[in-house]
Protein backbone atom coordinates (compact mmCIF):
# COMPACT_ATOMS: atom_id res chain seq x y z
CA MET A 1 59.86 57.00 22.74
CA SER A 2 57.97 60.17 23.10
CA ALA A 3 59.14 63.63 22.15
CA LEU A 4 59.41 64.61 25.81
CA SER A 5 62.15 62.10 26.57
CA ASN A 6 64.39 63.66 23.92
CA ALA A 7 63.82 67.28 25.05
CA THR A 8 66.94 69.38 25.43
CA HIS A 9 65.37 72.13 27.52
CA CYS A 10 63.24 72.33 30.66
CA PRO A 11 60.17 74.57 30.97
CA PRO A 12 60.62 78.12 32.30
CA VAL A 13 60.74 78.54 36.06
CA VAL A 14 57.71 80.51 37.20
CA GLY A 15 56.43 81.59 40.58
CA GLN A 16 55.27 84.68 42.41
CA ALA A 17 58.26 86.65 43.80
CA LEU A 18 60.59 83.79 42.74
CA LEU A 19 64.06 84.87 41.56
CA VAL A 20 66.31 82.59 39.46
CA SER A 21 70.11 82.69 39.20
CA THR A 22 70.00 82.18 35.41
CA THR A 23 67.47 82.00 32.61
CA GLU A 24 69.32 79.06 30.99
CA ARG A 25 67.11 75.95 30.76
CA SER A 26 69.23 73.41 28.90
CA VAL A 27 69.81 69.86 30.18
CA GLY A 28 72.31 69.84 33.08
CA THR A 29 71.69 73.47 34.09
CA VAL A 30 71.51 74.04 37.86
CA ILE A 31 69.42 77.00 38.97
CA THR A 32 69.57 78.59 42.43
CA LEU A 33 66.22 79.95 43.53
CA THR A 34 65.58 82.80 45.99
CA CYS A 35 62.67 85.09 46.80
CA GLU A 36 62.18 88.84 46.60
CA ASP A 37 62.59 90.90 49.77
CA GLY A 38 59.71 90.39 52.15
CA PHE A 39 59.15 86.78 51.05
CA ARG A 40 60.41 83.44 52.40
CA LEU A 41 61.36 80.43 50.26
CA THR A 42 59.44 77.23 50.99
CA GLY A 43 60.93 74.25 49.16
CA VAL A 44 64.28 73.45 47.53
CA GLU A 45 66.85 76.16 46.78
CA ARG A 46 68.43 74.39 43.76
CA ILE A 47 66.91 72.52 40.87
CA THR A 48 68.57 70.75 37.93
CA CYS A 49 67.28 70.34 34.37
CA HIS A 50 67.28 66.60 33.48
CA SER A 51 67.26 65.04 30.05
CA GLY A 52 63.71 64.59 29.01
CA GLY A 53 62.92 68.26 29.81
CA PHE A 54 61.95 68.13 33.48
CA TRP A 55 63.31 69.76 36.61
CA SER A 56 64.71 67.70 39.49
CA SER A 57 62.01 68.98 41.85
CA ASP A 58 58.83 71.01 41.93
CA PHE A 59 59.33 74.75 42.01
CA PRO A 60 59.55 76.21 45.50
CA VAL A 61 57.01 78.78 46.67
CA CYS A 62 57.70 82.27 47.98
CA ASP A 63 55.44 82.99 50.96
CA THR A 64 54.95 86.35 52.61
CA ALA A 65 57.64 86.50 55.27
CA VAL A 66 56.74 86.74 58.91
CA ALA A 67 58.07 89.75 60.79
CA THR A 68 61.83 89.63 60.93
CA THR A 69 63.86 90.53 63.99
CA SER A 70 64.70 93.96 62.56
CA THR A 71 61.01 94.65 61.93
CA VAL A 72 60.18 93.74 65.52
CA TRP A 73 62.92 96.07 66.81
CA ILE A 74 61.64 98.92 64.66
CA ILE A 75 58.16 98.46 66.09
CA VAL A 76 59.49 98.32 69.67
CA VAL A 77 61.69 101.41 69.28
CA CYS A 78 58.91 103.42 67.63
CA SER A 79 56.47 102.42 70.36
CA ILE A 80 58.87 103.47 73.11
CA ALA A 81 59.62 106.78 71.37
CA THR A 82 55.90 107.46 71.01
CA LEU A 83 55.29 106.75 74.70
CA MET A 84 58.17 109.01 75.73
CA ALA A 85 56.86 111.84 73.55
CA LEU A 86 53.41 111.39 75.06
CA ALA A 87 54.89 111.51 78.58
CA VAL A 88 56.69 114.78 77.78
CA VAL A 89 53.48 116.33 76.46
CA VAL A 90 51.51 115.18 79.51
CA CYS A 91 54.16 116.62 81.87
CA ALA A 92 54.21 119.93 80.00
CA VAL A 93 50.42 120.23 80.14
CA TYR A 94 50.43 119.33 83.85
CA MET A 95 53.08 121.95 84.64
CA LEU A 96 51.21 124.57 82.63
CA CYS A 97 47.96 123.80 84.42
CA MET A 98 49.71 123.93 87.80
CA SER A 99 51.19 127.34 87.03
CA PHE A 100 47.75 128.69 86.13
CA GLY A 101 46.40 127.15 89.33
CA ASP A 102 49.09 128.96 91.34
CA GLN A 103 48.06 132.25 89.78
CA LYS A 104 44.46 131.69 90.83
CA LYS A 105 45.36 130.47 94.33
CA ASN A 106 48.05 133.07 95.09
CA PRO A 107 47.29 136.25 93.13
CA ASP A 108 49.08 138.35 95.76
CA LYS A 109 52.23 136.28 95.43
CA ILE A 110 52.13 136.54 91.64
CA ARG A 111 51.57 140.32 91.84
CA GLU A 112 54.45 140.61 94.33
CA MET A 113 56.78 138.66 92.05
CA ARG A 114 55.77 140.82 89.07
CA ASN A 115 56.27 144.02 91.07
CA ASP A 116 59.68 142.83 92.29
CA LYS A 117 60.73 142.37 88.67
CA ILE A 118 59.46 145.86 87.82
CA ARG A 119 61.29 147.34 90.82
CA MET A 120 64.52 145.67 89.76
CA TYR A 121 64.13 147.03 86.23
CA LEU A 122 63.44 150.55 87.47
CA ALA A 123 66.34 150.37 89.93
CA GLU A 124 68.69 149.64 87.04
CA THR A 125 67.42 152.63 85.04
CA GLN A 126 69.30 155.86 85.85
CA ASN A 127 66.84 158.33 84.30
CA TYR A 128 63.25 157.26 84.53
CA VAL A 129 59.86 158.83 84.12
CA TRP A 130 57.24 157.31 86.36
CA SER A 131 53.55 158.05 86.45
CA PRO A 132 51.30 156.81 89.21
CA GLY A 133 48.98 154.20 87.80
CA ASP A 134 51.53 152.86 85.29
CA VAL A 135 52.54 150.23 87.76
CA GLU A 136 50.55 149.21 90.80
CA ASP A 137 52.34 148.87 94.12
CA VAL A 138 55.76 150.02 92.83
CA CYS A 139 58.34 152.08 94.64
CA PRO A 140 60.92 152.96 91.96
CA HIS A 141 64.40 154.10 92.81
CA THR A 142 67.82 154.36 91.20
CA GLY A 143 71.14 153.21 92.52
CA GLN A 144 71.82 156.79 93.72
CA ASP A 145 68.48 157.15 95.51
CA GLN A 146 67.90 156.17 99.09
CA VAL A 147 64.76 154.27 100.03
CA ASP A 148 63.35 155.05 103.47
CA ALA A 149 60.78 152.44 104.46
CA ASP A 150 59.48 153.17 107.94
CA GLY A 151 58.96 149.48 108.77
CA ASP A 152 55.49 149.88 110.29
CA ASP A 153 53.84 147.44 107.81
CA ASP A 154 51.65 150.12 106.20
CA ASP A 155 53.47 149.78 102.86
CA THR A 156 54.57 153.42 102.82
CA ALA A 157 58.03 154.37 101.68
CA SER A 158 59.88 157.52 100.68
CA ILE A 159 62.44 157.98 97.96
CA THR A 160 64.79 160.91 97.93
CA SER A 161 66.45 161.27 94.55
CA ALA A 162 69.80 162.88 93.88
CA SER A 163 67.98 166.06 92.74
CA GLY A 164 66.33 166.44 96.17
CA THR A 165 62.81 165.46 95.09
CA THR A 166 60.98 163.20 97.55
CA GLU A 167 58.38 160.68 96.44
CA THR A 168 56.16 159.02 99.04
CA THR A 169 54.06 156.03 98.13
CA ASN A 170 51.62 153.83 99.98
CA GLY A 171 51.33 151.27 97.19
CA MET A 172 48.26 152.92 95.66
CA SER A 173 49.19 156.58 95.13
CA THR A 174 52.31 158.69 95.08
CA ARG A 175 52.94 162.17 96.44
CA VAL A 176 55.89 164.18 95.10
CA SER A 177 57.38 167.04 97.12
CA ALA A 178 60.41 169.24 96.59
């Protein structure tokens, strides 16, 4: 008989990414084999050490795992999130471009909206100092003042303040009289 038939131990289990349940290699030892994360076991999961120093089967192989279900879901979710973010950016750029286009197409409307905001601000201010040229096309007044627009579409209006001062404006210049 040869020396191999009387062996009391099997050879070490070796393989790339192969994990063993125990390092024991004596006759009768059963080893459970698994693979590291990201690998898939191809072959038997359990081997036994037989008398004579050989394992019951060839060692299994750990192959690179194909994409798992969770990996596929991660890819899908990230792709959808990326597309949604891109859509938001495209919409924001479109809206910004449209607002600039409106300013170019309707400068009078934009100026009117700006002047309305200025008028509202000045109307809320009790004591104001106004110089012609600070604001174009503005007819300032306070809550105590009375605005007298003559309604003849020539953009003239008069303001009589509580102190008795009258300001007349035609949208370009202002005349103040006592």
